[in-house]
């Protein structure tokens, strides 16, 4: 988009002698922006999987006494809560065992 803006400026605004330098300058800006955004997007490792849920807050969908279901980040998971949590109660994920989340009530 930066390069297209430079081409438009070169042909409709810049005087005859400045057309090539304007296009070249905007091409350099385009390359610099591409390199900057590419490096910015590669700076961190992707965070995916059930491990990223540890520490997240959610809400119990069914009673967890000790096994039930919870909703965390918009997804419903099987969960175990040793302290017990009623449906609708806020919980925090403290661990996981395979695909079952280990949760604790927030207000205790």
C-alpha atoms as a PDB file:
ATOM      1  CA  UNK A   1       0.000   0.000   0.000  1.00  0.00           C
ATOM      2  CA  UNK A   2       2.883   2.339   0.723  1.00  0.00           C
ATOM      3  CA  UNK A   3       4.359   1.699  -2.715  1.00  0.00           C
ATOM      4  CA  UNK A   4       0.999   2.354  -4.416  1.00  0.00           C
ATOM      5  CA  UNK A   5       0.733   5.650  -2.532  1.00  0.00           C
ATOM      6  CA  UNK A   6       4.209   6.608  -3.710  1.00  0.00           C
ATOM      7  CA  UNK A   7       3.386   5.779  -7.330  1.00  0.00           C
ATOM      8  CA  UNK A   8       0.199   7.846  -7.137  1.00  0.00           C
ATOM      9  CA  UNK A   9       2.092  10.785  -5.629  1.00  0.00           C
ATOM     10  CA  UNK A  10       4.819  10.486  -8.264  1.00  0.00           C
ATOM     11  CA  UNK A  11       2.413  10.637 -11.175  1.00  0.00           C
ATOM     12  CA  UNK A  12      -0.180  13.097  -9.874  1.00  0.00           C
ATOM     13  CA  UNK A  13       1.661  15.433  -7.456  1.00  0.00           C
ATOM     14  CA  UNK A  14       5.464  15.350  -7.875  1.00  0.00           C
ATOM     15  CA  UNK A  15       7.187  17.388 -10.601  1.00  0.00           C
ATOM     16  CA  UNK A  16       8.736  15.521 -13.567  1.00  0.00           C
ATOM     17  CA  UNK A  17      12.257  15.338 -12.151  1.00  0.00           C
ATOM     18  CA  UNK A  18      11.086  13.883  -8.829  1.00  0.00           C
ATOM     19  CA  UNK A  19       9.007  10.928 -10.045  1.00  0.00           C
ATOM     20  CA  UNK A  20      11.734   8.260  -9.894  1.00  0.00           C
ATOM     21  CA  UNK A  21      13.178   9.391  -6.524  1.00  0.00           C
ATOM     22  CA  UNK A  22       9.667   9.489  -4.982  1.00  0.00           C
ATOM     23  CA  UNK A  23       8.851   5.963  -6.197  1.00  0.00           C
ATOM     24  CA  UNK A  24      12.270   4.695  -5.016  1.00  0.00           C
ATOM     25  CA  UNK A  25      11.815   6.276  -1.565  1.00  0.00           C
ATOM     26  CA  UNK A  26       8.366   4.750  -1.139  1.00  0.00           C
ATOM     27  CA  UNK A  27       9.673   1.368  -2.333  1.00  0.00           C
ATOM     28  CA  UNK A  28      12.354   1.528   0.393  1.00  0.00           C
ATOM     29  CA  UNK A  29       9.661   2.407   2.953  1.00  0.00           C
ATOM     30  CA  UNK A  30       7.620  -0.594   1.793  1.00  0.00           C
ATOM     31  CA  UNK A  31      10.597  -2.930   2.193  1.00  0.00           C
ATOM     32  CA  UNK A  32      11.439  -1.471   5.621  1.00  0.00           C
ATOM     33  CA  UNK A  33       7.854  -1.926   6.820  1.00  0.00           C
ATOM     34  CA  UNK A  34       7.769  -5.512   5.545  1.00  0.00           C
ATOM     35  CA  UNK A  35      11.029  -6.394   7.305  1.00  0.00           C
ATOM     36  CA  UNK A  36       9.895  -4.694  10.527  1.00  0.00           C
ATOM     37  CA  UNK A  37       6.522  -6.444  10.679  1.00  0.00           C
ATOM     38  CA  UNK A  38       8.047  -9.804   9.727  1.00  0.00           C
ATOM     39  CA  UNK A  39      10.602  -9.577  12.551  1.00  0.00           C
ATOM     40  CA  UNK A  40       7.934  -8.361  14.968  1.00  0.00           C
ATOM     41  CA  UNK A  41       5.731 -11.357  14.204  1.00  0.00           C
ATOM     42  CA  UNK A  42       8.600 -13.849  14.687  1.00  0.00           C
ATOM     43  CA  UNK A  43       9.888 -12.590  18.060  1.00  0.00           C
ATOM     44  CA  UNK A  44       7.892 -14.912  20.311  1.00  0.00           C
ATOM     45  CA  UNK A  45       7.169 -18.598  20.319  1.00  0.00           C
ATOM     46  CA  UNK A  46       3.555 -19.485  19.579  1.00  0.00           C
ATOM     47  CA  UNK A  47       1.492 -20.261  22.655  1.00  0.00           C
ATOM     48  CA  UNK A  48      -0.974 -23.052  21.961  1.00  0.00           C
ATOM     49  CA  UNK A  49      -2.318 -26.111  23.724  1.00  0.00           C
ATOM     50  CA  UNK A  50      -3.855 -26.922  27.040  1.00  0.00           C
ATOM     51  CA  UNK A  51      -0.742 -25.694  28.912  1.00  0.00           C
ATOM     52  CA  UNK A  52      -1.663 -22.095  28.085  1.00  0.00           C
ATOM     53  CA  UNK A  53      -4.852 -22.456  30.140  1.00  0.00           C
ATOM     54  CA  UNK A  54      -2.984 -22.802  33.451  1.00  0.00           C
ATOM     55  CA  UNK A  55      -3.692 -19.677  35.482  1.00  0.00           C
ATOM     56  CA  UNK A  56      -6.737 -18.716  33.400  1.00  0.00           C
ATOM     57  CA  UNK A  57     -10.060 -17.913  35.028  1.00  0.00           C
ATOM     58  CA  UNK A  58     -13.278 -19.574  33.985  1.00  0.00           C
ATOM     59  CA  UNK A  59     -16.722 -20.546  35.203  1.00  0.00           C
ATOM     60  CA  UNK A  60     -18.122 -23.920  36.225  1.00  0.00           C
ATOM     61  CA  UNK A  61     -20.781 -25.115  33.775  1.00  0.00           C
ATOM     62  CA  UNK A  62     -21.892 -28.053  35.921  1.00  0.00           C
ATOM     63  CA  UNK A  63     -21.208 -28.862  39.557  1.00  0.00           C
ATOM     64  CA  UNK A  64     -17.597 -29.985  40.008  1.00  0.00           C
ATOM     65  CA  UNK A  65     -17.755 -32.249  43.052  1.00  0.00           C
ATOM     66  CA  UNK A  66     -15.049 -33.384  42.196  1.00  0.00           C
ATOM     67  CA  UNK A  67     -15.652 -34.029  38.436  1.00  0.00           C
ATOM     68  CA  UNK A  68     -17.622 -31.639  36.228  1.00  0.00           C
ATOM     69  CA  UNK A  69     -17.251 -29.225  33.321  1.00  0.00           C
ATOM     70  CA  UNK A  70     -15.928 -25.672  33.151  1.00  0.00           C
ATOM     71  CA  UNK A  71     -15.833 -22.987  30.471  1.00  0.00           C
ATOM     72  CA  UNK A  72     -12.417 -21.355  30.009  1.00  0.00           C
ATOM     73  CA  UNK A  73     -11.651 -18.964  27.131  1.00  0.00           C
ATOM     74  CA  UNK A  74     -14.953 -19.874  25.501  1.00  0.00           C
ATOM     75  CA  UNK A  75     -14.250 -23.624  25.483  1.00  0.00           C
ATOM     76  CA  UNK A  76     -15.908 -26.275  27.639  1.00  0.00           C
ATOM     77  CA  UNK A  77     -13.481 -28.667  29.367  1.00  0.00           C
ATOM     78  CA  UNK A  78     -13.835 -31.576  31.761  1.00  0.00           C
ATOM     79  CA  UNK A  79     -12.479 -30.531  35.121  1.00  0.00           C
ATOM     80  CA  UNK A  80     -11.762 -31.805  38.600  1.00  0.00           C
ATOM     81  CA  UNK A  81     -12.153 -29.554  41.618  1.00  0.00           C
ATOM     82  CA  UNK A  82     -11.212 -31.228  44.905  1.00  0.00           C
ATOM     83  CA  UNK A  83     -12.625 -28.320  46.928  1.00  0.00           C
ATOM     84  CA  UNK A  84     -15.885 -28.468  44.986  1.00  0.00           C
ATOM     85  CA  UNK A  85     -17.458 -25.765  42.841  1.00  0.00           C
ATOM     86  CA  UNK A  86     -21.124 -25.159  42.117  1.00  0.00           C
ATOM     87  CA  UNK A  87     -22.426 -24.460  38.619  1.00  0.00           C
ATOM     88  CA  UNK A  88     -21.850 -20.805  37.690  1.00  0.00           C
ATOM     89  CA  UNK A  89     -19.091 -20.323  40.272  1.00  0.00           C
ATOM     90  CA  UNK A  90     -15.828 -18.708  39.046  1.00  0.00           C
ATOM     91  CA  UNK A  91     -12.788 -21.006  39.035  1.00  0.00           C
ATOM     92  CA  UNK A  92      -9.083 -20.792  38.217  1.00  0.00           C
ATOM     93  CA  UNK A  93      -7.126 -23.462  36.337  1.00  0.00           C
ATOM     94  CA  UNK A  94      -4.178 -24.714  38.413  1.00  0.00           C
ATOM     95  CA  UNK A  95      -3.065 -27.691  36.339  1.00  0.00           C
ATOM     96  CA  UNK A  96      -4.092 -30.432  33.972  1.00  0.00           C
ATOM     97  CA  UNK A  97      -4.070 -34.201  33.660  1.00  0.00           C
ATOM     98  CA  UNK A  98      -4.248 -35.213  30.000  1.00  0.00           C
ATOM     99  CA  UNK A  99      -7.371 -33.366  28.771  1.00  0.00           C
ATOM    100  CA  UNK A 100      -8.887 -32.783  32.223  1.00  0.00           C
ATOM    101  CA  UNK A 101      -8.264 -29.430  33.884  1.00  0.00           C
ATOM    102  CA  UNK A 102      -7.546 -29.167  37.603  1.00  0.00           C
ATOM    103  CA  UNK A 103      -9.379 -26.147  38.993  1.00  0.00           C
ATOM    104  CA  UNK A 104      -9.946 -24.327  42.282  1.00  0.00           C
ATOM    105  CA  UNK A 105     -12.743 -21.928  43.200  1.00  0.00           C
ATOM    106  CA  UNK A 106     -11.686 -18.269  43.015  1.00  0.00           C
ATOM    107  CA  UNK A 107     -13.403 -16.999  46.141  1.00  0.00           C
ATOM    108  CA  UNK A 108     -11.791 -19.517  48.532  1.00  0.00           C
END
